[in-house]
Amino acid sequence: MLISEALEGKYVKSSKGHGIIQFADKRNDIYIESENVFAYACKVRPQWNGTGYQKPDFYTTVYVKVDGE
C-alpha cells in the first residue's frame, strides 16, 4: 500500500482546522534533513456538526516518518 493511499480517510488536526483527508500527494519540493521522513500535501474535508455553515475544504502538509526498510 502506498503512503498516500494509507493517509486517505484518516483524521488530521492542523492550525487550519481539522477533518478527514480526502486526497494526499507527495511533495518533492520540500527538503527534509531527516532520513525516511516524507512530506505530503493533503486535501482535508472539515467535519461538520450540522449547525451553521459548512467550511470549505483546505490543504495542509503532513509529514510522515517511515521505519524499517
C-alpha atoms as a PDB file:
ATOM      1  CA  MET A   1       0.000   0.000   0.000  1.00  0.00           C
ATOM      2  CA  LEU A   2       1.274   3.468  -0.848  1.00  0.00           C
ATOM      3  CA  ILE A   3       1.635   6.046   1.914  1.00  0.00           C
ATOM      4  CA  SER A   4      -0.700   8.424   0.056  1.00  0.00           C
ATOM      5  CA  GLU A   5      -3.380   5.712  -0.012  1.00  0.00           C
ATOM      6  CA  ALA A   6      -2.847   4.974   3.692  1.00  0.00           C
ATOM      7  CA  LEU A   7      -3.373   8.666   4.576  1.00  0.00           C
ATOM      8  CA  GLU A   8      -6.738   8.907   2.827  1.00  0.00           C
ATOM      9  CA  GLY A   9      -9.645   8.649   5.252  1.00  0.00           C
ATOM     10  CA  LYS A  10      -7.515   9.481   8.301  1.00  0.00           C
ATOM     11  CA  TYR A  11      -8.394  12.253  10.746  1.00  0.00           C
ATOM     12  CA  VAL A  12      -5.951  15.167  10.861  1.00  0.00           C
ATOM     13  CA  LYS A  13      -5.665  18.277  13.050  1.00  0.00           C
ATOM     14  CA  SER A  14      -3.711  21.313  11.896  1.00  0.00           C
ATOM     15  CA  SER A  15      -3.525  25.036  12.519  1.00  0.00           C
ATOM     16  CA  LYS A  16      -6.015  25.500   9.650  1.00  0.00           C
ATOM     17  CA  GLY A  17      -8.622  23.186  11.161  1.00  0.00           C
ATOM     18  CA  HIS A  18      -9.411  19.506  11.496  1.00  0.00           C
ATOM     19  CA  GLY A  19     -11.126  16.897   9.371  1.00  0.00           C
ATOM     20  CA  ILE A  20     -10.721  13.835   7.163  1.00  0.00           C
ATOM     21  CA  ILE A  21      -8.015  13.549   4.488  1.00  0.00           C
ATOM     22  CA  GLN A  22      -9.651  13.217   1.069  1.00  0.00           C
ATOM     23  CA  PHE A  23      -6.507  13.133  -1.073  1.00  0.00           C
ATOM     24  CA  ALA A  24      -2.750  13.036  -0.435  1.00  0.00           C
ATOM     25  CA  ASP A  25       0.087  13.741  -2.857  1.00  0.00           C
ATOM     26  CA  LYS A  26       3.820  13.516  -2.144  1.00  0.00           C
ATOM     27  CA  ARG A  27       5.640  16.867  -2.083  1.00  0.00           C
ATOM     28  CA  ASN A  28       9.123  16.670  -3.554  1.00  0.00           C
ATOM     29  CA  ASP A  29       9.669  20.442  -3.306  1.00  0.00           C
ATOM     30  CA  ILE A  30      10.233  20.327   0.468  1.00  0.00           C
ATOM     31  CA  TYR A  31      13.721  19.455   1.696  1.00  0.00           C
ATOM     32  CA  ILE A  32      13.774  17.442   4.922  1.00  0.00           C
ATOM     33  CA  GLU A  33      17.090  16.754   6.655  1.00  0.00           C
ATOM     34  CA  SER A  34      15.913  13.618   8.480  1.00  0.00           C
ATOM     35  CA  GLU A  35      16.067  10.216   6.845  1.00  0.00           C
ATOM     36  CA  ASN A  36      12.851   8.366   5.986  1.00  0.00           C
ATOM     37  CA  VAL A  37      10.648  11.453   6.502  1.00  0.00           C
ATOM     38  CA  PHE A  38       8.368  12.484   3.645  1.00  0.00           C
ATOM     39  CA  ALA A  39       6.021  15.443   3.142  1.00  0.00           C
ATOM     40  CA  TYR A  40       2.513  15.045   1.706  1.00  0.00           C
ATOM     41  CA  ALA A  41       0.106  17.747   0.564  1.00  0.00           C
ATOM     42  CA  CYS A  42      -3.331  16.703   1.799  1.00  0.00           C
ATOM     43  CA  LYS A  43      -6.776  17.956   0.872  1.00  0.00           C
ATOM     44  CA  VAL A  44      -8.858  17.930   4.062  1.00  0.00           C
ATOM     45  CA  ARG A  45     -12.651  17.989   4.358  1.00  0.00           C
ATOM     46  CA  PRO A  46     -13.588  19.636   7.675  1.00  0.00           C
ATOM     47  CA  GLN A  47     -16.004  17.813   9.919  1.00  0.00           C
ATOM     48  CA  TRP A  48     -19.380  19.495  10.110  1.00  0.00           C
ATOM     49  CA  ASN A  49     -21.689  19.179  13.110  1.00  0.00           C
ATOM     50  CA  GLY A  50     -24.790  20.173  11.111  1.00  0.00           C
ATOM     51  CA  THR A  51     -25.153  23.676  12.530  1.00  0.00           C
ATOM     52  CA  GLY A  52     -24.096  26.910  10.878  1.00  0.00           C
ATOM     53  CA  TYR A  53     -22.288  26.912   7.563  1.00  0.00           C
ATOM     54  CA  GLN A  54     -20.141  24.068   6.334  1.00  0.00           C
ATOM     55  CA  LYS A  55     -16.497  25.135   5.979  1.00  0.00           C
ATOM     56  CA  PRO A  56     -14.720  24.660   2.628  1.00  0.00           C
ATOM     57  CA  ASP A  57     -12.026  22.039   2.056  1.00  0.00           C
ATOM     58  CA  PHE A  58      -8.471  23.145   2.785  1.00  0.00           C
ATOM     59  CA  TYR A  59      -4.934  21.926   2.119  1.00  0.00           C
ATOM     60  CA  THR A  60      -2.280  21.151   4.698  1.00  0.00           C
ATOM     61  CA  THR A  61       1.122  19.463   4.715  1.00  0.00           C
ATOM     62  CA  VAL A  62       1.568  16.240   6.678  1.00  0.00           C
ATOM     63  CA  TYR A  63       4.994  14.788   7.499  1.00  0.00           C
ATOM     64  CA  VAL A  64       5.319  11.007   7.637  1.00  0.00           C
ATOM     65  CA  LYS A  65       8.246   9.094   9.150  1.00  0.00           C
ATOM     66  CA  VAL A  66       8.732   5.582   7.813  1.00  0.00           C
ATOM     67  CA  ASP A  67      10.511   2.986   9.962  1.00  0.00           C
ATOM     68  CA  GLY A  68      12.184  -0.127   8.580  1.00  0.00           C
ATOM     69  CA  GLU A  69      13.280  -0.932   5.056  1.00  0.00           C
END
